[in-house]
Amino acid sequence: MSESANKATVRRYIDGFNKLDADQILSCLTDDVRWTVFGHFQLEGKEAYRGAISNPDTPGKPRIEIVRMVEEGNTIMAELYGEADHKDGATIRMAMGEVFVFRGSLISERRAFVIPLQENDFR
């Protein structure tokens, strides 16, 4: 069974984050995209998004792995695992649940639930 176009877009989007390729990331988004990371921030529009792609506290490239994706209509729910190197040398690990809402073939909204992992895969 072949992958849907929307799942392929999510894969391209995550690949862009792993390479910190802002142009690749932004090519997957609508101009009025909204990005919410619950408990942290919300922004709207490609230019605001561009400014949030890299973070001075985590200067290297993140390592984000797609564990699985489920699609219904214009929405994809993805389970992700991520790591990033903090400027102090520590590795930040996290589990993420992300909702990607599509308008046409582009992501119009990203809603992220990010859980820091301190001890193991569930804590």
PDB file of N, CA and C in Angstrom:
ATOM      1  N   MET A   1       0.847  -1.171   0.000  1.00  0.00           N
ATOM      2  CA  MET A   1       0.000   0.000   0.000  1.00  0.00           C
ATOM      3  C   MET A   1       0.898   1.242   0.000  1.00  0.00           C
ATOM      4  N   SER A   2       0.611   2.154  -0.882  1.00  0.00           N
ATOM      5  CA  SER A   2       1.444   3.350  -0.980  1.00  0.00           C
ATOM      6  C   SER A   2       1.026   4.396   0.050  1.00  0.00           C
ATOM      7  N   GLU A   3       1.951   5.252   0.378  1.00  0.00           N
ATOM      8  CA  GLU A   3       1.730   6.307   1.363  1.00  0.00           C
ATOM      9  C   GLU A   3       0.943   7.455   0.731  1.00  0.00           C
ATOM     10  N   SER A   4       0.073   8.074   1.513  1.00  0.00           N
ATOM     11  CA  SER A   4      -0.702   9.205   1.009  1.00  0.00           C
ATOM     12  C   SER A   4       0.205  10.412   0.773  1.00  0.00           C
ATOM     13  N   ALA A   5      -0.262  11.335  -0.043  1.00  0.00           N
ATOM     14  CA  ALA A   5       0.490  12.568  -0.317  1.00  0.00           C
ATOM     15  C   ALA A   5       0.687  13.376   0.964  1.00  0.00           C
ATOM     16  N   ASN A   6      -0.314  13.412   1.847  1.00  0.00           N
ATOM     17  CA  ASN A   6      -0.190  14.182   3.081  1.00  0.00           C
ATOM     18  C   ASN A   6       0.845  13.566   4.028  1.00  0.00           C
ATOM     19  N   LYS A   7       0.879  12.243   4.128  1.00  0.00           N
ATOM     20  CA  LYS A   7       1.907  11.604   4.956  1.00  0.00           C
ATOM     21  C   LYS A   7       3.296  11.878   4.373  1.00  0.00           C
ATOM     22  N   ALA A   8       3.413  11.862   3.064  1.00  0.00           N
ATOM     23  CA  ALA A   8       4.696  12.171   2.426  1.00  0.00           C
ATOM     24  C   ALA A   8       5.111  13.614   2.731  1.00  0.00           C
ATOM     25  N   THR A   9       4.150  14.520   2.791  1.00  0.00           N
ATOM     26  CA  THR A   9       4.450  15.910   3.137  1.00  0.00           C
ATOM     27  C   THR A   9       4.950  16.008   4.571  1.00  0.00           C
ATOM     28  N   VAL A  10       4.326  15.290   5.498  1.00  0.00           N
ATOM     29  CA  VAL A  10       4.789  15.293   6.888  1.00  0.00           C
ATOM     30  C   VAL A  10       6.212  14.743   6.950  1.00  0.00           C
ATOM     31  N   ARG A  11       6.501  13.682   6.209  1.00  0.00           N
ATOM     32  CA  ARG A  11       7.865  13.130   6.197  1.00  0.00           C
ATOM     33  C   ARG A  11       8.864  14.159   5.651  1.00  0.00           C
ATOM     34  N   ARG A  12       8.492  14.864   4.584  1.00  0.00           N
ATOM     35  CA  ARG A  12       9.363  15.890   4.010  1.00  0.00           C
ATOM     36  C   ARG A  12       9.578  17.028   5.008  1.00  0.00           C
ATOM     37  N   TYR A  13       8.510  17.404   5.708  1.00  0.00           N
ATOM     38  CA  TYR A  13       8.571  18.452   6.724  1.00  0.00           C
ATOM     39  C   TYR A  13       9.534  18.063   7.856  1.00  0.00           C
ATOM     40  N   ILE A  14       9.390  16.853   8.397  1.00  0.00           N
ATOM     41  CA  ILE A  14      10.256  16.376   9.483  1.00  0.00           C
ATOM     42  C   ILE A  14      11.694  16.259   8.981  1.00  0.00           C
ATOM     43  N   ASP A  15      11.888  15.785   7.768  1.00  0.00           N
ATOM     44  CA  ASP A  15      13.226  15.713   7.185  1.00  0.00           C
ATOM     45  C   ASP A  15      13.853  17.109   7.115  1.00  0.00           C
ATOM     46  N   GLY A  16      13.057  18.112   6.778  1.00  0.00           N
ATOM     47  CA  GLY A  16      13.545  19.488   6.758  1.00  0.00           C
ATOM     48  C   GLY A  16      14.008  19.943   8.127  1.00  0.00           C
ATOM     49  N   PHE A  17      13.258  19.574   9.174  1.00  0.00           N
ATOM     50  CA  PHE A  17      13.680  19.925  10.540  1.00  0.00           C
ATOM     51  C   PHE A  17      14.981  19.206  10.909  1.00  0.00           C
ATOM     52  N   ASN A  18      15.111  17.951  10.528  1.00  0.00           N
ATOM     53  CA  ASN A  18      16.328  17.209  10.845  1.00  0.00           C
ATOM     54  C   ASN A  18      17.555  17.805  10.152  1.00  0.00           C
ATOM     55  N   LYS A  19      17.350  18.472   9.035  1.00  0.00           N
ATOM     56  CA  LYS A  19      18.446  19.126   8.307  1.00  0.00           C
ATOM     57  C   LYS A  19      18.520  20.617   8.617  1.00  0.00           C
ATOM     58  N   LEU A  20      17.561  21.133   9.404  1.00  0.00           N
ATOM     59  CA  LEU A  20      17.417  22.576   9.639  1.00  0.00           C
ATOM     60  C   LEU A  20      17.381  23.342   8.318  1.00  0.00           C
ATOM     61  N   ASP A  21      16.609  22.799   7.377  1.00  0.00           N
ATOM     62  CA  ASP A  21      16.436  23.402   6.059  1.00  0.00           C
ATOM     63  C   ASP A  21      15.125  24.194   6.062  1.00  0.00           C
ATOM     64  N   ALA A  22      15.228  25.487   6.374  1.00  0.00           N
ATOM     65  CA  ALA A  22      14.032  26.327   6.511  1.00  0.00           C
ATOM     66  C   ALA A  22      13.204  26.348   5.233  1.00  0.00           C
ATOM     67  N   ASP A  23      13.858  26.399   4.073  1.00  0.00           N
ATOM     68  CA  ASP A  23      13.101  26.443   2.815  1.00  0.00           C
ATOM     69  C   ASP A  23      12.296  25.167   2.613  1.00  0.00           C
ATOM     70  N   GLN A  24      12.886  24.019   2.936  1.00  0.00           N
ATOM     71  CA  GLN A  24      12.161  22.754   2.807  1.00  0.00           C
ATOM     72  C   GLN A  24      10.968  22.731   3.764  1.00  0.00           C
ATOM     73  N   ILE A  25      11.176  23.145   4.993  1.00  0.00           N
ATOM     74  CA  ILE A  25      10.094  23.173   5.976  1.00  0.00           C
ATOM     75  C   ILE A  25       8.967  24.082   5.503  1.00  0.00           C
ATOM     76  N   LEU A  26       9.322  25.309   5.135  1.00  0.00           N
ATOM     77  CA  LEU A  26       8.307  26.304   4.749  1.00  0.00           C
ATOM     78  C   LEU A  26       7.562  25.908   3.479  1.00  0.00           C
ATOM     79  N   SER A  27       8.185  25.119   2.604  1.00  0.00           N
ATOM     80  CA  SER A  27       7.515  24.676   1.378  1.00  0.00           C
ATOM     81  C   SER A  27       6.352  23.734   1.677  1.00  0.00           C
ATOM     82  N   CYS A  28       6.292  23.206   2.886  1.00  0.00           N
ATOM     83  CA  CYS A  28       5.224  22.280   3.290  1.00  0.00           C
ATOM     84  C   CYS A  28       4.048  23.005   3.936  1.00  0.00           C
ATOM     85  N   LEU A  29       4.138  24.333   4.113  1.00  0.00           N
ATOM     86  CA  LEU A  29       3.182  25.094   4.923  1.00  0.00           C
ATOM     87  C   LEU A  29       2.384  26.103   4.107  1.00  0.00           C
ATOM     88  N   THR A  30       1.157  26.380   4.570  1.00  0.00           N
ATOM     89  CA  THR A  30       0.384  27.482   4.003  1.00  0.00           C
ATOM     90  C   THR A  30       0.964  28.796   4.524  1.00  0.00           C
ATOM     91  N   ASP A  31       0.680  29.896   3.833  1.00  0.00           N
ATOM     92  CA  ASP A  31       1.200  31.203   4.253  1.00  0.00           C
ATOM     93  C   ASP A  31       0.709  31.605   5.636  1.00  0.00           C
ATOM     94  N   ASP A  32      -0.511  31.182   5.991  1.00  0.00           N
ATOM     95  CA  ASP A  32      -1.111  31.569   7.270  1.00  0.00           C
ATOM     96  C   ASP A  32      -1.045  30.449   8.315  1.00  0.00           C
ATOM     97  N   VAL A  33      -0.063  29.585   8.198  1.00  0.00           N
ATOM     98  CA  VAL A  33       0.077  28.440   9.098  1.00  0.00           C
ATOM     99  C   VAL A  33       0.058  28.899  10.555  1.00  0.00           C
ATOM    100  N   ARG A  34      -0.509  28.064  11.398  1.00  0.00           N
ATOM    101  CA  ARG A  34      -0.500  28.298  12.848  1.00  0.00           C
ATOM    102  C   ARG A  34       0.227  27.134  13.500  1.00  0.00           C
ATOM    103  N   TRP A  35       1.160  27.452  14.397  1.00  0.00           N
ATOM    104  CA  TRP A  35       1.949  26.443  15.104  1.00  0.00           C
ATOM    105  C   TRP A  35       1.756  26.662  16.589  1.00  0.00           C
ATOM    106  N   THR A  36       1.222  25.662  17.262  1.00  0.00           N
ATOM    107  CA  THR A  36       1.016  25.699  18.704  1.00  0.00           C
ATOM    108  C   THR A  36       1.823  24.580  19.341  1.00  0.00           C
ATOM    109  N   VAL A  37       2.656  24.931  20.309  1.00  0.00           N
ATOM    110  CA  VAL A  37       3.291  23.942  21.172  1.00  0.00           C
ATOM    111  C   VAL A  37       2.687  24.204  22.545  1.00  0.00           C
ATOM    112  N   PHE A  38       1.754  23.342  22.931  1.00  0.00           N
ATOM    113  CA  PHE A  38       0.979  23.564  24.144  1.00  0.00           C
ATOM    114  C   PHE A  38       1.900  23.735  25.349  1.00  0.00           C
ATOM    115  N   GLY A  39       1.625  24.786  26.134  1.00  0.00           N
ATOM    116  CA  GLY A  39       2.418  25.098  27.307  1.00  0.00           C
ATOM    117  C   GLY A  39       3.654  25.927  27.018  1.00  0.00           C
ATOM    118  N   HIS A  40       3.905  26.229  25.729  1.00  0.00           N
ATOM    119  CA  HIS A  40       5.126  26.953  25.379  1.00  0.00           C
ATOM    120  C   HIS A  40       4.871  28.177  24.505  1.00  0.00           C
ATOM    121  N   PHE A  41       4.269  27.994  23.334  1.00  0.00           N
ATOM    122  CA  PHE A  41       4.065  29.133  22.445  1.00  0.00           C
ATOM    123  C   PHE A  41       3.038  28.826  21.363  1.00  0.00           C
ATOM    124  N   GLN A  42       2.594  29.896  20.719  1.00  0.00           N
ATOM    125  CA  GLN A  42       1.760  29.798  19.521  1.00  0.00           C
ATOM    126  C   GLN A  42       2.199  30.915  18.588  1.00  0.00           C
ATOM    127  N   LEU A  43       2.306  30.598  17.325  1.00  0.00           N
ATOM    128  CA  LEU A  43       2.654  31.623  16.349  1.00  0.00           C
ATOM    129  C   LEU A  43       1.837  31.404  15.083  1.00  0.00           C
ATOM    130  N   GLU A  44       1.814  32.434  14.244  1.00  0.00           N
ATOM    131  CA  GLU A  44       1.027  32.364  13.022  1.00  0.00           C
ATOM    132  C   GLU A  44       1.784  33.018  11.885  1.00  0.00           C
ATOM    133  N   GLY A  45       1.779  32.373  10.728  1.00  0.00           N
ATOM    134  CA  GLY A  45       2.391  32.894   9.522  1.00  0.00           C
ATOM    135  C   GLY A  45       3.782  32.341   9.282  1.00  0.00           C
ATOM    136  N   LYS A  46       4.145  32.272   7.995  1.00  0.00           N
ATOM    137  CA  LYS A  46       5.430  31.690   7.609  1.00  0.00           C
ATOM    138  C   LYS A  46       6.624  32.455   8.158  1.00  0.00           C
ATOM    139  N   GLU A  47       6.559  33.775   8.192  1.00  0.00           N
ATOM    140  CA  GLU A  47       7.719  34.532   8.675  1.00  0.00           C
ATOM    141  C   GLU A  47       7.960  34.288  10.158  1.00  0.00           C
ATOM    142  N   ALA A  48       6.900  34.237  10.954  1.00  0.00           N
ATOM    143  CA  ALA A  48       7.051  33.911  12.372  1.00  0.00           C
ATOM    144  C   ALA A  48       7.583  32.485  12.517  1.00  0.00           C
ATOM    145  N   TYR A  49       7.098  31.599  11.669  1.00  0.00           N
ATOM    146  CA  TYR A  49       7.541  30.207  11.695  1.00  0.00           C
ATOM    147  C   TYR A  49       9.035  30.124  11.400  1.00  0.00           C
ATOM    148  N   ARG A  50       9.470  30.841  10.357  1.00  0.00           N
ATOM    149  CA  ARG A  50      10.885  30.839   9.977  1.00  0.00           C
ATOM    150  C   ARG A  50      11.761  31.216  11.180  1.00  0.00           C
ATOM    151  N   GLY A  51      11.330  32.217  11.937  1.00  0.00           N
ATOM    152  CA  GLY A  51      12.090  32.669  13.081  1.00  0.00           C
ATOM    153  C   GLY A  51      12.171  31.665  14.208  1.00  0.00           C
ATOM    154  N   ALA A  52      11.265  30.695  14.238  1.00  0.00           N
ATOM    155  CA  ALA A  52      11.231  29.713  15.328  1.00  0.00           C
ATOM    156  C   ALA A  52      11.843  28.361  14.946  1.00  0.00           C
ATOM    157  N   ILE A  53      12.302  28.233  13.713  1.00  0.00           N
ATOM    158  CA  ILE A  53      12.849  26.942  13.268  1.00  0.00           C
ATOM    159  C   ILE A  53      14.118  26.593  14.030  1.00  0.00           C
ATOM    160  N   SER A  54      14.999  27.546  14.198  1.00  0.00           N
ATOM    161  CA  SER A  54      16.207  27.273  14.965  1.00  0.00           C
ATOM    162  C   SER A  54      16.098  27.944  16.328  1.00  0.00           C
ATOM    163  N   ASN A  55      16.810  27.388  17.301  1.00  0.00           N
ATOM    164  CA  ASN A  55      16.727  27.847  18.678  1.00  0.00           C
ATOM    165  C   ASN A  55      18.148  27.982  19.221  1.00  0.00           C
ATOM    166  N   PRO A  56      18.536  29.165  19.711  1.00  0.00           N
ATOM    167  CA  PRO A  56      19.901  29.331  20.215  1.00  0.00           C
ATOM    168  C   PRO A  56      20.241  28.414  21.395  1.00  0.00           C
ATOM    169  N   ASP A  57      19.231  27.929  22.125  1.00  0.00           N
ATOM    170  CA  ASP A  57      19.496  27.007  23.234  1.00  0.00           C
ATOM    171  C   ASP A  57      19.835  25.606  22.750  1.00  0.00           C
ATOM    172  N   THR A  58      19.409  25.276  21.526  1.00  0.00           N
ATOM    173  CA  THR A  58      19.714  23.975  20.927  1.00  0.00           C
ATOM    174  C   THR A  58      20.315  24.233  19.548  1.00  0.00           C
ATOM    175  N   PRO A  59      21.600  24.592  19.498  1.00  0.00           N
ATOM    176  CA  PRO A  59      22.204  25.095  18.272  1.00  0.00           C
ATOM    177  C   PRO A  59      22.420  24.063  17.164  1.00  0.00           C
ATOM    178  N   GLY A  60      22.456  22.792  17.477  1.00  0.00           N
ATOM    179  CA  GLY A  60      22.681  21.778  16.448  1.00  0.00           C
ATOM    180  C   GLY A  60      21.385  21.359  15.781  1.00  0.00           C
ATOM    181  N   LYS A  61      21.519  20.387  14.900  1.00  0.00           N
ATOM    182  CA  LYS A  61      20.350  19.843  14.218  1.00  0.00           C
ATOM    183  C   LYS A  61      19.622  18.874  15.149  1.00  0.00           C
ATOM    184  N   PRO A  62      18.298  18.975  15.220  1.00  0.00           N
ATOM    185  CA  PRO A  62      17.550  18.013  16.029  1.00  0.00           C
ATOM    186  C   PRO A  62      17.535  16.645  15.344  1.00  0.00           C
ATOM    187  N   ARG A  63      17.170  15.653  16.088  1.00  0.00           N
ATOM    188  CA  ARG A  63      17.003  14.308  15.548  1.00  0.00           C
ATOM    189  C   ARG A  63      15.581  13.879  15.883  1.00  0.00           C
ATOM    190  N   ILE A  64      14.728  13.950  14.877  1.00  0.00           N
ATOM    191  CA  ILE A  64      13.310  13.638  15.073  1.00  0.00           C
ATOM    192  C   ILE A  64      12.986  12.388  14.268  1.00  0.00           C
ATOM    193  N   GLU A  65      12.365  11.449  14.942  1.00  0.00           N
ATOM    194  CA  GLU A  65      11.994  10.181  14.318  1.00  0.00           C
ATOM    195  C   GLU A  65      10.478  10.044  14.335  1.00  0.00           C
ATOM    196  N   ILE A  66       9.913   9.700  13.198  1.00  0.00           N
ATOM    197  CA  ILE A  66       8.480   9.404  13.134  1.00  0.00           C
ATOM    198  C   ILE A  66       8.293   7.955  13.582  1.00  0.00           C
ATOM    199  N   VAL A  67       7.538   7.769  14.653  1.00  0.00           N
ATOM    200  CA  VAL A  67       7.253   6.425  15.151  1.00  0.00           C
ATOM    201  C   VAL A  67       6.090   5.831  14.366  1.00  0.00           C
ATOM    202  N   ARG A  68       5.022   6.631  14.231  1.00  0.00           N
ATOM    203  CA  ARG A  68       3.862   6.202  13.435  1.00  0.00           C
ATOM    204  C   ARG A  68       3.004   7.403  13.102  1.00  0.00           C
ATOM    205  N   MET A  69       2.187   7.244  12.074  1.00  0.00           N
ATOM    206  CA  MET A  69       1.226   8.282  11.678  1.00  0.00           C
ATOM    207  C   MET A  69      -0.126   7.633  11.409  1.00  0.00           C
ATOM    208  N   VAL A  70      -1.172   8.357  11.787  1.00  0.00           N
ATOM    209  CA  VAL A  70      -2.540   7.933  11.522  1.00  0.00           C
ATOM    210  C   VAL A  70      -3.219   9.095  10.808  1.00  0.00           C
ATOM    211  N   GLU A  71      -3.950   8.780   9.764  1.00  0.00           N
ATOM    212  CA  GLU A  71      -4.568   9.824   8.948  1.00  0.00           C
ATOM    213  C   GLU A  71      -6.085   9.641   8.897  1.00  0.00           C
ATOM    214  N   GLU A  72      -6.778  10.742   9.058  1.00  0.00           N
ATOM    215  CA  GLU A  72      -8.229  10.752   8.878  1.00  0.00           C
ATOM    216  C   GLU A  72      -8.593  12.067   8.213  1.00  0.00           C
ATOM    217  N   GLY A  73      -9.190  11.986   7.044  1.00  0.00           N
ATOM    218  CA  GLY A  73      -9.567  13.196   6.316  1.00  0.00           C
ATOM    219  C   GLY A  73      -8.345  14.063   6.041  1.00  0.00           C
ATOM    220  N   ASN A  74      -8.426  15.325   6.447  1.00  0.00           N
ATOM    221  CA  ASN A  74      -7.329  16.271   6.203  1.00  0.00           C
ATOM    222  C   ASN A  74      -6.377  16.396   7.399  1.00  0.00           C
ATOM    223  N   THR A  75      -6.393  15.413   8.303  1.00  0.00           N
ATOM    224  CA  THR A  75      -5.610  15.497   9.534  1.00  0.00           C
ATOM    225  C   THR A  75      -4.729  14.266   9.703  1.00  0.00           C
ATOM    226  N   ILE A  76      -3.494  14.518  10.101  1.00  0.00           N
ATOM    227  CA  ILE A  76      -2.573  13.434  10.429  1.00  0.00           C
ATOM    228  C   ILE A  76      -2.134  13.610  11.881  1.00  0.00           C
ATOM    229  N   MET A  77      -2.197  12.526  12.616  1.00  0.00           N
ATOM    230  CA  MET A  77      -1.669  12.488  13.983  1.00  0.00           C
ATOM    231  C   MET A  77      -0.382  11.681  13.913  1.00  0.00           C
ATOM    232  N   ALA A  78       0.710  12.275  14.413  1.00  0.00           N
ATOM    233  CA  ALA A  78       1.999  11.596  14.369  1.00  0.00           C
ATOM    234  C   ALA A  78       2.555  11.434  15.777  1.00  0.00           C
ATOM    235  N   GLU A  79       3.066  10.251  16.053  1.00  0.00           N
ATOM    236  CA  GLU A  79       3.841  10.017  17.267  1.00  0.00           C
ATOM    237  C   GLU A  79       5.299  10.174  16.874  1.00  0.00           C
ATOM    238  N   LEU A  80       6.009  11.035  17.599  1.00  0.00           N
ATOM    239  CA  LEU A  80       7.396  11.338  17.267  1.00  0.00           C
ATOM    240  C   LEU A  80       8.286  11.153  18.491  1.00  0.00           C
ATOM    241  N   TYR A  81       9.549  10.850  18.230  1.00  0.00           N
ATOM    242  CA  TYR A  81      10.569  10.831  19.268  1.00  0.00           C
ATOM    243  C   TYR A  81      11.643  11.806  18.821  1.00  0.00           C
ATOM    244  N   GLY A  82      12.141  12.617  19.742  1.00  0.00           N
ATOM    245  CA  GLY A  82      13.137  13.593  19.345  1.00  0.00           C
ATOM    246  C   GLY A  82      14.252  13.752  20.346  1.00  0.00           C
ATOM    247  N   GLU A  83      15.391  14.180  19.826  1.00  0.00           N
ATOM    248  CA  GLU A  83      16.543  14.540  20.636  1.00  0.00           C
ATOM    249  C   GLU A  83      17.142  15.813  20.070  1.00  0.00           C
ATOM    250  N   ALA A  84      17.704  16.623  20.952  1.00  0.00           N
ATOM    251  CA  ALA A  84      18.413  17.831  20.538  1.00  0.00           C
ATOM    252  C   ALA A  84      19.537  18.063  21.540  1.00  0.00           C
ATOM    253  N   ASP A  85      20.616  18.610  21.046  1.00  0.00           N
ATOM    254  CA  ASP A  85      21.748  18.906  21.918  1.00  0.00           C
ATOM    255  C   ASP A  85      21.614  20.325  22.441  1.00  0.00           C
ATOM    256  N   HIS A  86      21.617  20.471  23.755  1.00  0.00           N
ATOM    257  CA  HIS A  86      21.514  21.780  24.398  1.00  0.00           C
ATOM    258  C   HIS A  86      22.880  22.457  24.374  1.00  0.00           C
ATOM    259  N   LYS A  87      22.872  23.774  24.394  1.00  0.00           N
ATOM    260  CA  LYS A  87      24.135  24.523  24.347  1.00  0.00           C
ATOM    261  C   LYS A  87      25.064  24.207  25.516  1.00  0.00           C
ATOM    262  N   ASP A  88      24.508  23.692  26.616  1.00  0.00           N
ATOM    263  CA  ASP A  88      25.353  23.330  27.766  1.00  0.00           C
ATOM    264  C   ASP A  88      25.953  21.927  27.644  1.00  0.00           C
ATOM    265  N   GLY A  89      25.681  21.253  26.525  1.00  0.00           N
ATOM    266  CA  GLY A  89      26.249  19.932  26.282  1.00  0.00           C
ATOM    267  C   GLY A  89      25.313  18.776  26.590  1.00  0.00           C
ATOM    268  N   ALA A  90      24.223  19.028  27.285  1.00  0.00           N
ATOM    269  CA  ALA A  90      23.257  17.969  27.602  1.00  0.00           C
ATOM    270  C   ALA A  90      22.439  17.607  26.361  1.00  0.00           C
ATOM    271  N   THR A  91      21.946  16.385  26.334  1.00  0.00           N
ATOM    272  CA  THR A  91      21.035  15.959  25.280  1.00  0.00           C
ATOM    273  C   THR A  91      19.614  16.020  25.820  1.00  0.00           C
ATOM    274  N   ILE A  92      18.764  16.734  25.123  1.00  0.00           N
ATOM    275  CA  ILE A  92      17.341  16.832  25.470  1.00  0.00           C
ATOM    276  C   ILE A  92      16.620  15.733  24.706  1.00  0.00           C
ATOM    277  N   ARG A  93      15.824  14.941  25.427  1.00  0.00           N
ATOM    278  CA  ARG A  93      15.033  13.876  24.803  1.00  0.00           C
ATOM    279  C   ARG A  93      13.564  14.168  25.027  1.00  0.00           C
ATOM    280  N   MET A  94      12.728  13.852  24.053  1.00  0.00           N
ATOM    281  CA  MET A  94      11.310  14.146  24.190  1.00  0.00           C
ATOM    282  C   MET A  94      10.464  13.179  23.368  1.00  0.00           C
ATOM    283  N   ALA A  95       9.239  12.975  23.868  1.00  0.00           N
ATOM    284  CA  ALA A  95       8.205  12.257  23.130  1.00  0.00           C
ATOM    285  C   ALA A  95       7.193  13.309  22.704  1.00  0.00           C
ATOM    286  N   MET A  96       6.674  13.161  21.495  1.00  0.00           N
ATOM    287  CA  MET A  96       5.768  14.178  20.963  1.00  0.00           C
ATOM    288  C   MET A  96       4.567  13.535  20.289  1.00  0.00           C
ATOM    289  N   GLY A  97       3.423  14.164  20.487  1.00  0.00           N
ATOM    290  CA  GLY A  97       2.232  13.867  19.729  1.00  0.00           C
ATOM    291  C   GLY A  97       1.923  15.124  18.933  1.00  0.00           C
ATOM    292  N   GLU A  98       1.852  15.002  17.617  1.00  0.00           N
ATOM    293  CA  GLU A  98       1.660  16.183  16.789  1.00  0.00           C
ATOM    294  C   GLU A  98       0.489  15.974  15.847  1.00  0.00           C
ATOM    295  N   VAL A  99      -0.334  16.998  15.779  1.00  0.00           N
ATOM    296  CA  VAL A  99      -1.476  17.013  14.873  1.00  0.00           C
ATOM    297  C   VAL A  99      -1.129  17.940  13.718  1.00  0.00           C
ATOM    298  N   PHE A 100      -1.205  17.445  12.506  1.00  0.00           N
ATOM    299  CA  PHE A 100      -0.973  18.228  11.302  1.00  0.00           C
ATOM    300  C   PHE A 100      -2.297  18.337  10.558  1.00  0.00           C
ATOM    301  N   VAL A 101      -2.800  19.552  10.396  1.00  0.00           N
ATOM    302  CA  VAL A 101      -4.046  19.791   9.673  1.00  0.00           C
ATOM    303  C   VAL A 101      -3.684  20.353   8.303  1.00  0.00           C
ATOM    304  N   PHE A 102      -4.258  19.786   7.266  1.00  0.00           N
ATOM    305  CA  PHE A 102      -3.951  20.183   5.898  1.00  0.00           C
ATOM    306  C   PHE A 102      -5.068  21.020   5.289  1.00  0.00           C
ATOM    307  N   ARG A 103      -4.664  21.960   4.466  1.00  0.00           N
ATOM    308  CA  ARG A 103      -5.559  22.674   3.564  1.00  0.00           C
ATOM    309  C   ARG A 103      -4.975  22.442   2.181  1.00  0.00           C
ATOM    310  N   GLY A 104      -5.722  21.694   1.371  1.00  0.00           N
ATOM    311  CA  GLY A 104      -5.157  21.272   0.094  1.00  0.00           C
ATOM    312  C   GLY A 104      -3.995  20.336   0.369  1.00  0.00           C
ATOM    313  N   SER A 105      -2.851  20.624  -0.223  1.00  0.00           N
ATOM    314  CA  SER A 105      -1.689  19.742  -0.064  1.00  0.00           C
ATOM    315  C   SER A 105      -0.667  20.280   0.931  1.00  0.00           C
ATOM    316  N   LEU A 106      -1.022  21.345   1.677  1.00  0.00           N
ATOM    317  CA  LEU A 106      -0.075  21.970   2.595  1.00  0.00           C
ATOM    318  C   LEU A 106      -0.573  21.935   4.035  1.00  0.00           C
ATOM    319  N   ILE A 107       0.367  21.961   4.965  1.00  0.00           N
ATOM    320  CA  ILE A 107       0.042  21.982   6.389  1.00  0.00           C
ATOM    321  C   ILE A 107      -0.405  23.387   6.757  1.00  0.00           C
ATOM    322  N   SER A 108      -1.628  23.500   7.282  1.00  0.00           N
ATOM    323  CA  SER A 108      -2.157  24.809   7.689  1.00  0.00           C
ATOM    324  C   SER A 108      -2.108  24.992   9.205  1.00  0.00           C
ATOM    325  N   GLU A 109      -1.970  23.899   9.923  1.00  0.00           N
ATOM    326  CA  GLU A 109      -1.878  23.989  11.377  1.00  0.00           C
ATOM    327  C   GLU A 109      -1.070  22.815  11.902  1.00  0.00           C
ATOM    328  N   ARG A 110      -0.231  23.130  12.884  1.00  0.00           N
ATOM    329  CA  ARG A 110       0.544  22.107  13.593  1.00  0.00           C
ATOM    330  C   ARG A 110       0.303  22.320  15.070  1.00  0.00           C
ATOM    331  N   ARG A 111      -0.164  21.275  15.749  1.00  0.00           N
ATOM    332  CA  ARG A 111      -0.472  21.343  17.179  1.00  0.00           C
ATOM    333  C   ARG A 111       0.360  20.271  17.864  1.00  0.00           C
ATOM    334  N   ALA A 112       1.288  20.707  18.724  1.00  0.00           N
ATOM    335  CA  ALA A 112       2.263  19.781  19.296  1.00  0.00           C
ATOM    336  C   ALA A 112       2.102  19.646  20.801  1.00  0.00           C
ATOM    337  N   PHE A 113       2.165  18.414  21.254  1.00  0.00           N
ATOM    338  CA  PHE A 113       2.201  18.065  22.666  1.00  0.00           C
ATOM    339  C   PHE A 113       3.582  17.462  22.898  1.00  0.00           C
ATOM    340  N   VAL A 114       4.435  18.153  23.647  1.00  0.00           N
ATOM    341  CA  VAL A 114       5.820  17.732  23.829  1.00  0.00           C
ATOM    342  C   VAL A 114       6.042  17.365  25.293  1.00  0.00           C
ATOM    343  N   ILE A 115       6.534  16.153  25.512  1.00  0.00           N
ATOM    344  CA  ILE A 115       6.790  15.645  26.854  1.00  0.00           C
ATOM    345  C   ILE A 115       8.293  15.401  26.998  1.00  0.00           C
ATOM    346  N   PRO A 116       8.969  16.157  27.873  1.00  0.00           N
ATOM    347  CA  PRO A 116      10.397  15.895  28.100  1.00  0.00           C
ATOM    348  C   PRO A 116      10.581  14.531  28.757  1.00  0.00           C
ATOM    349  N   LEU A 117      11.622  13.827  28.348  1.00  0.00           N
ATOM    350  CA  LEU A 117      11.945  12.526  28.927  1.00  0.00           C
ATOM    351  C   LEU A 117      13.237  12.670  29.717  1.00  0.00           C
ATOM    352  N   GLN A 118      13.205  12.320  30.994  1.00  0.00           N
ATOM    353  CA  GLN A 118      14.372  12.469  31.862  1.00  0.00           C
ATOM    354  C   GLN A 118      15.060  11.138  32.162  1.00  0.00           C
ATOM    355  N   GLU A 119      14.280  10.112  32.444  1.00  0.00           N
ATOM    356  CA  GLU A 119      14.847   8.855  32.935  1.00  0.00           C
ATOM    357  C   GLU A 119      14.830   7.743  31.907  1.00  0.00           C
ATOM    358  N   ASN A 120      13.719   7.594  31.207  1.00  0.00           N
ATOM    359  CA  ASN A 120      13.552   6.477  30.292  1.00  0.00           C
ATOM    360  C   ASN A 120      12.502   6.861  29.243  1.00  0.00           C
ATOM    361  N   ASP A 121      11.937   5.898  28.559  1.00  0.00           N
ATOM    362  CA  ASP A 121      11.000   6.195  27.487  1.00  0.00           C
ATOM    363  C   ASP A 121       9.618   6.634  27.951  1.00  0.00           C
ATOM    364  N   PHE A 122       9.327   6.564  29.238  1.00  0.00           N
ATOM    365  CA  PHE A 122       8.007   6.987  29.703  1.00  0.00           C
ATOM    366  C   PHE A 122       8.080   7.975  30.846  1.00  0.00           C
ATOM    367  N   ARG A 123       9.256   8.339  31.332  1.00  0.00           N
ATOM    368  CA  ARG A 123       9.410   9.315  32.402  1.00  0.00           C
ATOM    369  C   ARG A 123      10.491  10.306  32.079  1.00  0.00           C
TER     370      ARG A 123
END
